[in-house]
Amino acid sequence: MDIIIVTGMSGSGKSSVLKAMEDMGYFCADNIPPSLILPFIELIHNSELNPDKIGIVVDGRLKGELDKVDESLKLLKDNGINYKILFVDAENEVLLRRYKETRRLHPFSNENNFSLKDAINTERLLLNDMKARADLVVDSTNMSSIQLISKIKELFSQTIGDIISVTSLSFGYKYGIPRDCDLVFDVRCLPNPFYIPDLKHKTGLDKQVRDYVMKHDDSRVLLEKISDLVDFLLPLYIKENKSSLVIGFGCTGGKHRSVTFAEKCGRHLQEKGYKVIFDHRDVNR
């Protein structure tokens, strides 16, 4: 089981870190008291969910609970549960600016009537030990939330499939273009198997149809050019923190050419390491 304990300064971007981890398939929980870390992990592990990746945020909002962190982490080790600690930090002046921009109340200002500056300093002192034992420290001082999310995905993604999920979708123009498509390729320009009696009632899921579509030079050249374009675009989408992408292929009825291209392009992306979902919307119409 892959367990990441996220901690750090309030305002440093832990919510963005949690968002990135959720995108990567982590089961995440925010603001867990240290004394409940082990029971929480055991509960989730023994549930129907039984995730193989868990992210837990433990930070200064719990105040009086922080002195129980050492005992809780020891319990994890004693039970053979491995974990990593990620500490998210930022310079005090940046934290001050972020709180002033969002007009949020710092957790340590709420009960102690501290100034914002005193609240930040107090929290930093309380979290010094956690920072010292952290396996990874990420400084978000000069990062936007998008840059921070990208950094977390870079650190914890084991494969490119953890970063972005691609849906390879076929459809028929006669039934309308799917609203959720990010990219749409029109393959109605290619020879149509519908007019071949032996293929009319088959689909692009059948080898005979795919072979017919792809035996034409124009089809092979078009697939190559689309594949090159998608190979170029996907890293750019990842850079902009897009976690899912829908690529649509349309033909007249959504049964032959579009299905063939959705299958071919999707398999190409799978070979590149992407997680691909195949969706043939109109294949059974």
Foldseek 3Di string as FASTA:
>chain_A
DEEEEEEEFPQLQVVLLQVLVVLLPAAEDEADQLVCPVVVLVVCCPDPNNGPHYYYYHYCLVPVSLVCNVVSVVVCVVVVHDYAYEYGYEDLVLSVVSCVVVVDDGSQCPPPVDDSSVSRVVRCVSCVVVVVRGPYYHYCHPPDSQRVSLVSCVVPPPFVQSQAEEELEFFAPVVPDDPQAPAEDEPQVFDDCCPPVVPVLAFLVDPVLLCVRPVDPVSVVVLVVVLVVCVVCPVVCSSSRHHYHYYYYYHHQQGGPRLSSSVVSQVVVVVVGHHYHYYRPRNPD
